[in-house]
Amino acid sequence: MKILLPILKGRARSAPKAFGASPRGRLSRPTNRGLTRRPSLQVALPVITIFAVASFIAPAVAQAREVVHKGDVVVVPLRGEVAPSLLAFLRRAVKAAESNQASAIIFEMNTYGGRLDAAADIVNALNQTSIPTYTFINTNAGSAGAIIAIATQHIFMAPVSAIGAAAPILPTGEDLPTTAREKTISYWSALIRGSAIKNGHNPDIAEAFINKDKEVKIGDRVVHPKGAILTLNAQEATERINNKPLLAEGVVDSIVDLTKKAGLKGNVVAIEPTGFEQIAFWITALAPLLLLGGILGAYLEFKIPGATLPGIISAICFALFFLGHYLAGLAGWEVVALFVLGIVLVLIEILFFAHSTIVFGVVGVFLILASLLWTMIDRYPGQNFFPTGKMLAVPLLNLFIAIISSLIVIALLARYLPRTSIYRRFALMDSNPPGPSLAGAPRQFATALSLTPGMQGTAVTVLRPSGKARFADHVVDVVTEGEFITPQTAVTVIQTDGMRVVVKRAAQG
């Protein structure tokens, strides 16, 4: 500030000579037009940014919903490690198939397993489906893959393939400690038995995949003695006992062969991963941070005059938030429309009805919060419109963390940001646009006029929160504690700190 002071004083001395100066030093009419155009640009740039990002990624991620039509048989590949990215892809594919009324879903599986937590989420997703589900084990359904296959209603296997060996182990490949192993097997045995019963499979077979102490006995025949984890090849899994297959309904060579043996008549279409699923996993995991960045960016956009970068960052954070949850199969574009509508209502409140009504602002904030919450809810077609408590738990927690964190950071910014050199630089740039439109405003600092707390003046420009106010015959740079004050409004000095003058709206007499 010591370096800037002589330069600003030099401008103050030369200002009265500028074109269009008035005798009383009032701002000329072009100044107001210049100041009112800048907020429009600040609002427009973030909106343009969010739509640009959406239009770049949307065509790739919308492919799944475009290729599926009513009555189609949808083929979904489940290859590689069972991980959260696979869950994101599968969930999106299942919802696309159900939304477009596909006749069946076939999961073409080739996996040696992976993370049990991801497998549990995939099992939950499959058990939510309302259309027939098939698994084509095209070589491997090991470990977590076996658990997923049991969650489908029909299982077919390639001639050389296997299913089973789902015992839980540590990431290092070592066995779990005794107590942890017993607890894990007990939980997963119950889960896989329930899934098997729901989908018409033998629960004892399913449990034997994960529990080596489980004996499988059908009638008087012991199919699998206890003491080892059960694994079945195609011939063993399709063996018929008491006129029922042990697990798989048949051996097939391909998807086409499967559709013929299963009597599926619809057109076969495939949904492939887009490559964004891993990104979607990280975006959904970082949802509170993205919300925090979006809220803080929006706050700084309106608090720092002349700055457009915070608004762009805010738009990018919200765009990533919505796109990530879309990629993860959690939300559609309708929540984006709801969010944009909420923003429009809030802007209408700020720009046109700031001092007359709060209806637009309240409705807008409600729509924004509702869209953010709804985006994070994992809801499947056919479920009740109103989510259950379990469905709301994680979204509410994420939203709560983001809002509380935002309030804390905003409180700190409102207190300390106006004192920083960066903020003052933007404030001065915004209050001094170049050209003849500022003619006639004598440039004086608070130090050139003795200002004390309680002294009253009039706002010359909009204070949002910085701007200019007139005290006696002097126009000085002022800042509020965060409130917006329109021009020609009476203000009162509440604090002075060197060149910094803090004011508030004067009390109505």
Foldseek 3Di string as FASTA:
>chain_A
DVVCVVVLVVCLVCQQVFPPADPLLAFDPVVQVVLVVQVVVLVVVLVVLLVVVCVVCVVLLCVLLVVDAAQAEEEEEDEEEQDQLSLLQLLQNLQSCVVRNYQEYEYEYDYQYHDPVSLVSLLVSLLPHDHAYEYEDEAEQHASSLLNRLLGQAYEYAQHHKHAQNADDDPVRHRDPPVVSVVVLVVVLVVSLVSNVVNVADSLLSSLRHAQCGWDDDDNRTLGHHDDRDMDTNVQQQDADPNRGNHHVYHANDPVRVCVVVVRDHHYDYDYQSVCSVVLVVLLVCVLVLLLLLLVLVLVSLQQPPDNVSSNSNSVSVSSNLVSLVSSNQDDCVLVVLLVQLVVLCVCCVPPVVPPDCVSNVSSVVSNLVSQLSSQFRDHPPDDPDDDPVRNPVSVVSVVSNVVVNVVVVVVCLVCVVVDPVSVVSLVCSQQPDDSSSRSNNEDFCVVDPADFFQKWWFSAKPSFWYWTDHPSHIYIEGESGDIDHGRFMWTFHDDDPRYTYIDGDDDD
